[in-house]
């Protein structure tokens, strides 16, 4: 599928709201729950408010979010959010959607980002959690910081694919178990999310942002994944893989709705394709 086809699909998914010609409109939330620009204040620090005050209006000039199923994101309490991942601007899209829905976006993110001058200090100040390649945090437990955040009632964003999808058509690839493990171990809901249209703002592996024309990105939030069969018992590797497959199926189902087409019968598996887990897949 070409980028032009991608853009057409993203633009055609929500016809109920039109962009204003006189001002930059805020994200459209197709849900019974609507919140103000800064949403509920109890989770939001001064750092988050400062970043959002500058970043949200800038993003809204770059792209317009149409959010579907926003009422399915818990209005309060802990949860794990599992989105698809196919461009480097995806975290900004997910964060903007969560902020609009009144929750603070906090990511389990690769540790190298925290070593970038200034940006790394900002990441720490906002409460994001560094994870070393291979799944280890600075606390040696990949999920300890996430569990601590969940126990305090916060939402945790984990990309179950672990990196940008290797699928050449940008479908979700085979996932890792981190998001499921955190949700099961912490006893919190795991909510799937899919979005489409980010590739029109920034291509996969690209650092170049397309400023004009203003893009449309659709975001879909699904019902929490039913993990009841995996709670309260010992889980081996096969069980974790089964639970992870449920999550990836939930994300893929949402993306199929946004794109208006069916995903491949089996998700892309980098191991089967002899691809490394990190780096640009075109170079592998």
C-alpha atoms as a PDB file:
ATOM      1  CA  UNK A   1       0.000   0.000   0.000  1.00  0.00           C
ATOM      2  CA  UNK A   2       1.374   3.431  -0.926  1.00  0.00           C
ATOM      3  CA  UNK A   3       1.651   6.410   1.432  1.00  0.00           C
ATOM      4  CA  UNK A   4      -1.041   8.098  -0.642  1.00  0.00           C
ATOM      5  CA  UNK A   5      -3.349   5.184   0.024  1.00  0.00           C
ATOM      6  CA  UNK A   6      -2.468   5.363   3.710  1.00  0.00           C
ATOM      7  CA  UNK A   7      -3.352   9.055   3.810  1.00  0.00           C
ATOM      8  CA  UNK A   8      -6.634   8.456   2.017  1.00  0.00           C
ATOM      9  CA  UNK A   9      -7.592   5.748   4.504  1.00  0.00           C
ATOM     10  CA  UNK A  10      -6.680   7.919   7.475  1.00  0.00           C
ATOM     11  CA  UNK A  11      -8.594  10.873   6.133  1.00  0.00           C
ATOM     12  CA  UNK A  12     -11.692   8.879   5.293  1.00  0.00           C
ATOM     13  CA  UNK A  13     -12.304   7.258   8.644  1.00  0.00           C
ATOM     14  CA  UNK A  14     -14.073  10.131  10.374  1.00  0.00           C
ATOM     15  CA  UNK A  15     -16.443  12.271   8.401  1.00  0.00           C
ATOM     16  CA  UNK A  16     -18.416  13.707  11.302  1.00  0.00           C
ATOM     17  CA  UNK A  17     -16.058  16.585  12.016  1.00  0.00           C
ATOM     18  CA  UNK A  18     -14.417  19.011   9.588  1.00  0.00           C
ATOM     19  CA  UNK A  19     -11.298  21.073  10.128  1.00  0.00           C
ATOM     20  CA  UNK A  20     -11.964  24.717  10.821  1.00  0.00           C
ATOM     21  CA  UNK A  21     -10.734  27.156   8.207  1.00  0.00           C
ATOM     22  CA  UNK A  22     -10.442  29.990  10.699  1.00  0.00           C
ATOM     23  CA  UNK A  23      -8.616  28.334  13.586  1.00  0.00           C
ATOM     24  CA  UNK A  24      -6.808  25.193  14.590  1.00  0.00           C
ATOM     25  CA  UNK A  25      -9.386  22.863  16.095  1.00  0.00           C
ATOM     26  CA  UNK A  26      -8.706  20.627  19.051  1.00  0.00           C
ATOM     27  CA  UNK A  27      -8.740  16.840  18.772  1.00  0.00           C
ATOM     28  CA  UNK A  28     -12.167  15.415  18.010  1.00  0.00           C
ATOM     29  CA  UNK A  29     -13.182  12.918  20.679  1.00  0.00           C
ATOM     30  CA  UNK A  30     -15.955  10.632  19.485  1.00  0.00           C
ATOM     31  CA  UNK A  31     -17.028   9.547  22.944  1.00  0.00           C
ATOM     32  CA  UNK A  32     -19.430  10.393  25.722  1.00  0.00           C
ATOM     33  CA  UNK A  33     -16.512  11.616  27.821  1.00  0.00           C
ATOM     34  CA  UNK A  34     -14.995  14.948  26.920  1.00  0.00           C
ATOM     35  CA  UNK A  35     -12.407  16.755  28.993  1.00  0.00           C
ATOM     36  CA  UNK A  36     -10.805  20.154  28.968  1.00  0.00           C
ATOM     37  CA  UNK A  37      -7.428  20.961  27.488  1.00  0.00           C
ATOM     38  CA  UNK A  38      -5.648  19.977  30.688  1.00  0.00           C
ATOM     39  CA  UNK A  39      -8.175  17.335  31.793  1.00  0.00           C
ATOM     40  CA  UNK A  40      -8.095  16.128  35.386  1.00  0.00           C
ATOM     41  CA  UNK A  41      -5.431  17.834  37.421  1.00  0.00           C
ATOM     42  CA  UNK A  42      -4.519  15.344  40.130  1.00  0.00           C
ATOM     43  CA  UNK A  43      -2.022  13.373  37.981  1.00  0.00           C
ATOM     44  CA  UNK A  44      -0.485  16.323  36.228  1.00  0.00           C
ATOM     45  CA  UNK A  45       2.756  17.867  37.412  1.00  0.00           C
ATOM     46  CA  UNK A  46       4.005  21.361  36.664  1.00  0.00           C
ATOM     47  CA  UNK A  47       6.448  19.846  34.164  1.00  0.00           C
ATOM     48  CA  UNK A  48       3.648  18.126  32.274  1.00  0.00           C
ATOM     49  CA  UNK A  49       1.536  21.266  32.255  1.00  0.00           C
ATOM     50  CA  UNK A  50       4.445  23.284  30.910  1.00  0.00           C
ATOM     51  CA  UNK A  51       5.267  20.789  28.173  1.00  0.00           C
ATOM     52  CA  UNK A  52       1.600  20.439  27.208  1.00  0.00           C
ATOM     53  CA  UNK A  53       1.044  24.204  27.158  1.00  0.00           C
ATOM     54  CA  UNK A  54       3.734  24.503  24.491  1.00  0.00           C
ATOM     55  CA  UNK A  55       3.577  21.139  22.755  1.00  0.00           C
ATOM     56  CA  UNK A  56      -0.159  20.541  22.390  1.00  0.00           C
ATOM     57  CA  UNK A  57      -0.914  23.674  20.317  1.00  0.00           C
ATOM     58  CA  UNK A  58       2.118  23.006  18.115  1.00  0.00           C
ATOM     59  CA  UNK A  59       1.019  19.435  17.480  1.00  0.00           C
ATOM     60  CA  UNK A  60      -2.541  20.547  16.775  1.00  0.00           C
ATOM     61  CA  UNK A  61      -1.255  22.769  13.970  1.00  0.00           C
ATOM     62  CA  UNK A  62       0.672  19.852  12.542  1.00  0.00           C
ATOM     63  CA  UNK A  63      -2.067  17.239  12.718  1.00  0.00           C
ATOM     64  CA  UNK A  64      -5.645  16.776  13.788  1.00  0.00           C
ATOM     65  CA  UNK A  65      -6.555  13.828  15.990  1.00  0.00           C
ATOM     66  CA  UNK A  66      -9.892  12.077  15.671  1.00  0.00           C
ATOM     67  CA  UNK A  67     -10.260   9.872  18.739  1.00  0.00           C
ATOM     68  CA  UNK A  68     -12.643   6.931  18.756  1.00  0.00           C
ATOM     69  CA  UNK A  69     -13.603   5.046  21.888  1.00  0.00           C
ATOM     70  CA  UNK A  70     -12.115   7.566  24.291  1.00  0.00           C
ATOM     71  CA  UNK A  71     -14.578   6.471  26.981  1.00  0.00           C
ATOM     72  CA  UNK A  72     -12.785   3.101  27.097  1.00  0.00           C
ATOM     73  CA  UNK A  73      -9.653   4.651  28.559  1.00  0.00           C
ATOM     74  CA  UNK A  74     -10.054   4.465  32.358  1.00  0.00           C
ATOM     75  CA  UNK A  75     -10.944   7.895  33.714  1.00  0.00           C
ATOM     76  CA  UNK A  76      -9.032   7.130  36.904  1.00  0.00           C
ATOM     77  CA  UNK A  77      -6.910   4.403  38.408  1.00  0.00           C
ATOM     78  CA  UNK A  78      -4.053   2.358  37.022  1.00  0.00           C
ATOM     79  CA  UNK A  79      -3.935   0.721  33.609  1.00  0.00           C
ATOM     80  CA  UNK A  80      -1.524  -0.386  30.893  1.00  0.00           C
ATOM     81  CA  UNK A  81      -1.984   1.114  27.422  1.00  0.00           C
ATOM     82  CA  UNK A  82      -0.653  -0.934  24.484  1.00  0.00           C
ATOM     83  CA  UNK A  83      -0.458   0.976  21.148  1.00  0.00           C
ATOM     84  CA  UNK A  84       0.875   0.033  17.722  1.00  0.00           C
ATOM     85  CA  UNK A  85       4.232   1.501  16.713  1.00  0.00           C
ATOM     86  CA  UNK A  86       5.372   2.349  13.189  1.00  0.00           C
ATOM     87  CA  UNK A  87       6.966   5.833  13.192  1.00  0.00           C
ATOM     88  CA  UNK A  88       9.176   7.821  15.517  1.00  0.00           C
ATOM     89  CA  UNK A  89       6.447  10.389  16.109  1.00  0.00           C
ATOM     90  CA  UNK A  90       4.043   7.767  17.498  1.00  0.00           C
ATOM     91  CA  UNK A  91       4.777   8.579  21.169  1.00  0.00           C
ATOM     92  CA  UNK A  92       3.771  12.197  20.557  1.00  0.00           C
ATOM     93  CA  UNK A  93       0.503  11.053  18.980  1.00  0.00           C
ATOM     94  CA  UNK A  94      -0.269   8.693  21.864  1.00  0.00           C
ATOM     95  CA  UNK A  95       0.686  11.288  24.464  1.00  0.00           C
ATOM     96  CA  UNK A  96      -1.504  13.948  22.827  1.00  0.00           C
ATOM     97  CA  UNK A  97      -4.482  11.590  22.763  1.00  0.00           C
ATOM     98  CA  UNK A  98      -4.051  10.576  26.404  1.00  0.00           C
ATOM     99  CA  UNK A  99      -3.616  14.178  27.500  1.00  0.00           C
ATOM    100  CA  UNK A 100      -6.787  15.176  25.689  1.00  0.00           C
ATOM    101  CA  UNK A 101      -8.608  12.359  27.496  1.00  0.00           C
ATOM    102  CA  UNK A 102      -7.451  13.615  30.868  1.00  0.00           C
ATOM    103  CA  UNK A 103      -4.702  11.127  31.733  1.00  0.00           C
ATOM    104  CA  UNK A 104      -0.975  11.654  32.065  1.00  0.00           C
ATOM    105  CA  UNK A 105       1.061   9.780  29.429  1.00  0.00           C
ATOM    106  CA  UNK A 106       4.028   7.949  30.936  1.00  0.00           C
ATOM    107  CA  UNK A 107       6.077   5.569  28.837  1.00  0.00           C
ATOM    108  CA  UNK A 108       8.424   2.688  29.382  1.00  0.00           C
ATOM    109  CA  UNK A 109      10.995   4.010  26.891  1.00  0.00           C
ATOM    110  CA  UNK A 110      14.424   2.968  25.658  1.00  0.00           C
ATOM    111  CA  UNK A 111      17.158   4.150  27.995  1.00  0.00           C
ATOM    112  CA  UNK A 112      19.182   5.809  25.228  1.00  0.00           C
ATOM    113  CA  UNK A 113      16.572   8.584  25.077  1.00  0.00           C
ATOM    114  CA  UNK A 114      17.322   9.471  28.691  1.00  0.00           C
ATOM    115  CA  UNK A 115      20.978  10.052  27.836  1.00  0.00           C
ATOM    116  CA  UNK A 116      20.180  12.806  25.331  1.00  0.00           C
ATOM    117  CA  UNK A 117      21.196  16.165  26.849  1.00  0.00           C
ATOM    118  CA  UNK A 118      18.284  18.259  28.127  1.00  0.00           C
ATOM    119  CA  UNK A 119      15.709  15.917  26.585  1.00  0.00           C
ATOM    120  CA  UNK A 120      16.775  13.119  28.924  1.00  0.00           C
ATOM    121  CA  UNK A 121      16.394  15.334  31.985  1.00  0.00           C
ATOM    122  CA  UNK A 122      12.942  16.290  30.778  1.00  0.00           C
ATOM    123  CA  UNK A 123      12.011  12.622  30.323  1.00  0.00           C
ATOM    124  CA  UNK A 124      13.039  11.903  33.909  1.00  0.00           C
ATOM    125  CA  UNK A 125      11.180  14.954  35.205  1.00  0.00           C
ATOM    126  CA  UNK A 126       7.973  13.807  33.520  1.00  0.00           C
ATOM    127  CA  UNK A 127       8.202  10.382  35.146  1.00  0.00           C
ATOM    128  CA  UNK A 128       8.932   8.200  32.129  1.00  0.00           C
ATOM    129  CA  UNK A 129      10.736   4.910  32.830  1.00  0.00           C
ATOM    130  CA  UNK A 130      14.056   4.063  31.109  1.00  0.00           C
ATOM    131  CA  UNK A 131      14.418   0.501  29.835  1.00  0.00           C
ATOM    132  CA  UNK A 132      17.727  -0.824  28.548  1.00  0.00           C
ATOM    133  CA  UNK A 133      17.772  -2.829  25.324  1.00  0.00           C
ATOM    134  CA  UNK A 134      17.145  -6.398  26.329  1.00  0.00           C
ATOM    135  CA  UNK A 135      14.397  -5.303  28.696  1.00  0.00           C
ATOM    136  CA  UNK A 136      16.296  -4.207  31.804  1.00  0.00           C
ATOM    137  CA  UNK A 137      15.674  -0.975  33.686  1.00  0.00           C
ATOM    138  CA  UNK A 138      18.209   0.843  35.791  1.00  0.00           C
ATOM    139  CA  UNK A 139      16.617  -0.939  38.755  1.00  0.00           C
ATOM    140  CA  UNK A 140      17.469  -4.349  37.157  1.00  0.00           C
ATOM    141  CA  UNK A 141      13.784  -5.331  37.044  1.00  0.00           C
ATOM    142  CA  UNK A 142      12.208  -4.445  33.683  1.00  0.00           C
ATOM    143  CA  UNK A 143       8.745  -4.009  35.207  1.00  0.00           C
ATOM    144  CA  UNK A 144       9.465  -2.813  38.761  1.00  0.00           C
ATOM    145  CA  UNK A 145       9.182   0.882  37.944  1.00  0.00           C
ATOM    146  CA  UNK A 146       6.065   0.225  35.895  1.00  0.00           C
ATOM    147  CA  UNK A 147       4.478  -1.671  38.788  1.00  0.00           C
ATOM    148  CA  UNK A 148       5.333   1.180  41.132  1.00  0.00           C
ATOM    149  CA  UNK A 149       3.681   3.655  38.790  1.00  0.00           C
ATOM    150  CA  UNK A 150       0.630   1.411  38.455  1.00  0.00           C
ATOM    151  CA  UNK A 151       0.395   0.968  42.221  1.00  0.00           C
ATOM    152  CA  UNK A 152       0.184   4.746  42.564  1.00  0.00           C
ATOM    153  CA  UNK A 153      -2.823   4.779  40.230  1.00  0.00           C
ATOM    154  CA  UNK A 154      -1.053   5.937  37.080  1.00  0.00           C
ATOM    155  CA  UNK A 155      -1.310   4.784  33.502  1.00  0.00           C
ATOM    156  CA  UNK A 156       1.693   3.124  31.868  1.00  0.00           C
ATOM    157  CA  UNK A 157       2.268   3.051  28.105  1.00  0.00           C
ATOM    158  CA  UNK A 158       4.179   0.062  26.752  1.00  0.00           C
ATOM    159  CA  UNK A 159       4.741  -0.692  23.090  1.00  0.00           C
ATOM    160  CA  UNK A 160       4.299  -4.473  22.998  1.00  0.00           C
ATOM    161  CA  UNK A 161       6.249  -4.705  19.735  1.00  0.00           C
ATOM    162  CA  UNK A 162       9.254  -3.224  21.531  1.00  0.00           C
ATOM    163  CA  UNK A 163      10.315  -1.168  18.510  1.00  0.00           C
ATOM    164  CA  UNK A 164       8.984   0.057  15.165  1.00  0.00           C
ATOM    165  CA  UNK A 165       7.189  -2.707  13.310  1.00  0.00           C
ATOM    166  CA  UNK A 166       9.213  -4.565  10.714  1.00  0.00           C
ATOM    167  CA  UNK A 167       6.102  -5.277   8.653  1.00  0.00           C
ATOM    168  CA  UNK A 168       6.630  -3.524   5.288  1.00  0.00           C
ATOM    169  CA  UNK A 169       2.975  -2.445   5.207  1.00  0.00           C
ATOM    170  CA  UNK A 170       3.116  -1.112   8.788  1.00  0.00           C
ATOM    171  CA  UNK A 171       0.867  -3.752  10.356  1.00  0.00           C
ATOM    172  CA  UNK A 172       1.645  -4.732  13.967  1.00  0.00           C
ATOM    173  CA  UNK A 173       4.261  -7.462  14.170  1.00  0.00           C
ATOM    174  CA  UNK A 174       4.660 -10.240  16.705  1.00  0.00           C
ATOM    175  CA  UNK A 175       4.687  -8.746  20.185  1.00  0.00           C
ATOM    176  CA  UNK A 176       6.676  -9.167  23.376  1.00  0.00           C
ATOM    177  CA  UNK A 177       5.198 -10.008  26.762  1.00  0.00           C
ATOM    178  CA  UNK A 178       6.151  -6.894  28.765  1.00  0.00           C
ATOM    179  CA  UNK A 179       2.766  -5.156  28.588  1.00  0.00           C
ATOM    180  CA  UNK A 180       0.896  -8.342  29.491  1.00  0.00           C
ATOM    181  CA  UNK A 181       3.263  -9.184  32.336  1.00  0.00           C
ATOM    182  CA  UNK A 182       2.847  -5.753  33.889  1.00  0.00           C
ATOM    183  CA  UNK A 183      -0.952  -5.825  33.588  1.00  0.00           C
ATOM    184  CA  UNK A 184      -1.231  -9.339  35.039  1.00  0.00           C
ATOM    185  CA  UNK A 185       1.311  -8.833  37.820  1.00  0.00           C
ATOM    186  CA  UNK A 186      -0.111  -5.452  38.839  1.00  0.00           C
ATOM    187  CA  UNK A 187      -3.720  -6.602  38.460  1.00  0.00           C
ATOM    188  CA  UNK A 188      -4.686  -3.669  36.235  1.00  0.00           C
ATOM    189  CA  UNK A 189      -6.589  -3.406  32.918  1.00  0.00           C
ATOM    190  CA  UNK A 190      -4.683  -3.674  29.653  1.00  0.00           C
ATOM    191  CA  UNK A 191      -6.195  -1.347  27.058  1.00  0.00           C
ATOM    192  CA  UNK A 192      -5.335  -1.716  23.347  1.00  0.00           C
ATOM    193  CA  UNK A 193      -4.880   1.325  21.127  1.00  0.00           C
ATOM    194  CA  UNK A 194      -4.277   1.772  17.405  1.00  0.00           C
ATOM    195  CA  UNK A 195      -3.655   4.902  15.384  1.00  0.00           C
ATOM    196  CA  UNK A 196      -3.206   5.584  11.688  1.00  0.00           C
ATOM    197  CA  UNK A 197      -1.909   8.577   9.763  1.00  0.00           C
ATOM    198  CA  UNK A 198       1.344   9.261  11.621  1.00  0.00           C
ATOM    199  CA  UNK A 199       3.316   8.092   8.583  1.00  0.00           C
ATOM    200  CA  UNK A 200       2.071  11.157   6.721  1.00  0.00           C
ATOM    201  CA  UNK A 201       3.693  13.397   9.340  1.00  0.00           C
ATOM    202  CA  UNK A 202       6.941  11.453   9.682  1.00  0.00           C
ATOM    203  CA  UNK A 203       7.937   8.382   7.701  1.00  0.00           C
ATOM    204  CA  UNK A 204       9.283   5.279   9.363  1.00  0.00           C
ATOM    205  CA  UNK A 205      12.891   5.881  10.508  1.00  0.00           C
ATOM    206  CA  UNK A 206      12.705   9.438   9.187  1.00  0.00           C
ATOM    207  CA  UNK A 207      13.608  12.523  11.198  1.00  0.00           C
ATOM    208  CA  UNK A 208      11.914  14.845   8.715  1.00  0.00           C
ATOM    209  CA  UNK A 209       8.489  16.232   9.593  1.00  0.00           C
ATOM    210  CA  UNK A 210       5.971  17.077   6.881  1.00  0.00           C
ATOM    211  CA  UNK A 211       4.457  20.387   7.947  1.00  0.00           C
ATOM    212  CA  UNK A 212       1.947  21.006   5.162  1.00  0.00           C
ATOM    213  CA  UNK A 213      -0.792  20.317   4.503  1.00  0.00           C
ATOM    214  CA  UNK A 214      -2.145  19.637   7.957  1.00  0.00           C
ATOM    215  CA  UNK A 215      -2.613  15.894   8.440  1.00  0.00           C
ATOM    216  CA  UNK A 216      -5.365  13.852  10.038  1.00  0.00           C
ATOM    217  CA  UNK A 217      -4.545  11.018  12.430  1.00  0.00           C
ATOM    218  CA  UNK A 218      -7.219   8.667  13.705  1.00  0.00           C
ATOM    219  CA  UNK A 219      -6.897   7.004  17.091  1.00  0.00           C
ATOM    220  CA  UNK A 220      -8.975   4.057  18.282  1.00  0.00           C
ATOM    221  CA  UNK A 221      -9.116   2.782  21.851  1.00  0.00           C
ATOM    222  CA  UNK A 222     -10.532  -0.675  22.461  1.00  0.00           C
ATOM    223  CA  UNK A 223     -12.133  -2.493  25.349  1.00  0.00           C
ATOM    224  CA  UNK A 224      -9.675  -3.884  27.910  1.00  0.00           C
ATOM    225  CA  UNK A 225      -8.253  -7.248  26.875  1.00  0.00           C
ATOM    226  CA  UNK A 226      -9.777 -10.121  28.857  1.00  0.00           C
ATOM    227  CA  UNK A 227      -6.799 -11.559  30.739  1.00  0.00           C
ATOM    228  CA  UNK A 228      -8.834 -13.336  33.426  1.00  0.00           C
ATOM    229  CA  UNK A 229      -7.581 -16.746  32.271  1.00  0.00           C
ATOM    230  CA  UNK A 230      -4.014 -15.671  32.983  1.00  0.00           C
ATOM    231  CA  UNK A 231      -4.434 -14.096  36.410  1.00  0.00           C
ATOM    232  CA  UNK A 232      -3.894 -15.828  39.731  1.00  0.00           C
ATOM    233  CA  UNK A 233      -1.780 -18.720  38.464  1.00  0.00           C
ATOM    234  CA  UNK A 234       1.737 -19.545  37.414  1.00  0.00           C
ATOM    235  CA  UNK A 235       2.367 -18.762  33.758  1.00  0.00           C
ATOM    236  CA  UNK A 236       5.034 -20.394  31.647  1.00  0.00           C
ATOM    237  CA  UNK A 237       6.523 -18.970  28.477  1.00  0.00           C
ATOM    238  CA  UNK A 238       3.808 -20.504  26.302  1.00  0.00           C
ATOM    239  CA  UNK A 239       1.070 -18.900  28.413  1.00  0.00           C
ATOM    240  CA  UNK A 240       2.733 -15.483  28.236  1.00  0.00           C
ATOM    241  CA  UNK A 241       3.009 -15.875  24.464  1.00  0.00           C
ATOM    242  CA  UNK A 242      -0.687 -16.768  24.259  1.00  0.00           C
ATOM    243  CA  UNK A 243      -1.677 -13.724  26.293  1.00  0.00           C
ATOM    244  CA  UNK A 244       0.587 -11.488  24.214  1.00  0.00           C
ATOM    245  CA  UNK A 245      -1.014 -12.786  21.020  1.00  0.00           C
ATOM    246  CA  UNK A 246      -4.424 -11.752  22.390  1.00  0.00           C
ATOM    247  CA  UNK A 247      -3.153  -8.227  22.929  1.00  0.00           C
ATOM    248  CA  UNK A 248      -1.627  -7.987  19.463  1.00  0.00           C
ATOM    249  CA  UNK A 249      -4.856  -9.300  17.953  1.00  0.00           C
ATOM    250  CA  UNK A 250      -6.793  -6.596  19.794  1.00  0.00           C
ATOM    251  CA  UNK A 251      -4.489  -3.874  18.477  1.00  0.00           C
ATOM    252  CA  UNK A 252      -4.612  -5.279  14.957  1.00  0.00           C
ATOM    253  CA  UNK A 253      -8.420  -5.465  14.992  1.00  0.00           C
ATOM    254  CA  UNK A 254      -8.572  -1.762  15.828  1.00  0.00           C
ATOM    255  CA  UNK A 255      -6.099  -0.925  13.080  1.00  0.00           C
ATOM    256  CA  UNK A 256      -8.082  -2.943  10.535  1.00  0.00           C
ATOM    257  CA  UNK A 257     -11.092  -0.767  11.316  1.00  0.00           C
ATOM    258  CA  UNK A 258      -9.078   2.424  10.880  1.00  0.00           C
ATOM    259  CA  UNK A 259      -7.457   1.302   7.639  1.00  0.00           C
ATOM    260  CA  UNK A 260     -10.559  -0.348   6.209  1.00  0.00           C
ATOM    261  CA  UNK A 261      -8.716  -3.481   5.157  1.00  0.00           C
ATOM    262  CA  UNK A 262      -7.649  -6.835   6.550  1.00  0.00           C
ATOM    263  CA  UNK A 263      -4.257  -7.439   8.110  1.00  0.00           C
ATOM    264  CA  UNK A 264      -2.102 -10.398   7.039  1.00  0.00           C
ATOM    265  CA  UNK A 265      -3.295 -13.737   8.417  1.00  0.00           C
ATOM    266  CA  UNK A 266      -0.145 -14.066  10.539  1.00  0.00           C
ATOM    267  CA  UNK A 267       1.761 -11.170  12.110  1.00  0.00           C
ATOM    268  CA  UNK A 268       5.226 -10.375  10.855  1.00  0.00           C
ATOM    269  CA  UNK A 269       7.840 -12.291  12.865  1.00  0.00           C
ATOM    270  CA  UNK A 270      11.345 -10.748  12.729  1.00  0.00           C
ATOM    271  CA  UNK A 271      12.885 -13.975  14.028  1.00  0.00           C
ATOM    272  CA  UNK A 272      11.456 -15.964  11.126  1.00  0.00           C
ATOM    273  CA  UNK A 273      12.716 -13.282   8.731  1.00  0.00           C
ATOM    274  CA  UNK A 274      16.227 -13.405  10.266  1.00  0.00           C
ATOM    275  CA  UNK A 275      15.924  -9.791  11.352  1.00  0.00           C
ATOM    276  CA  UNK A 276      17.512  -8.269  14.425  1.00  0.00           C
ATOM    277  CA  UNK A 277      15.268  -6.846  17.131  1.00  0.00           C
ATOM    278  CA  UNK A 278      16.822  -3.387  16.947  1.00  0.00           C
ATOM    279  CA  UNK A 279      17.935  -1.089  14.165  1.00  0.00           C
ATOM    280  CA  UNK A 280      16.462  -0.170  10.811  1.00  0.00           C
ATOM    281  CA  UNK A 281      15.007  -3.237   9.192  1.00  0.00           C
ATOM    282  CA  UNK A 282      15.951  -2.077   5.664  1.00  0.00           C
ATOM    283  CA  UNK A 283      19.599  -2.371   6.695  1.00  0.00           C
ATOM    284  CA  UNK A 284      19.257  -5.873   8.135  1.00  0.00           C
END
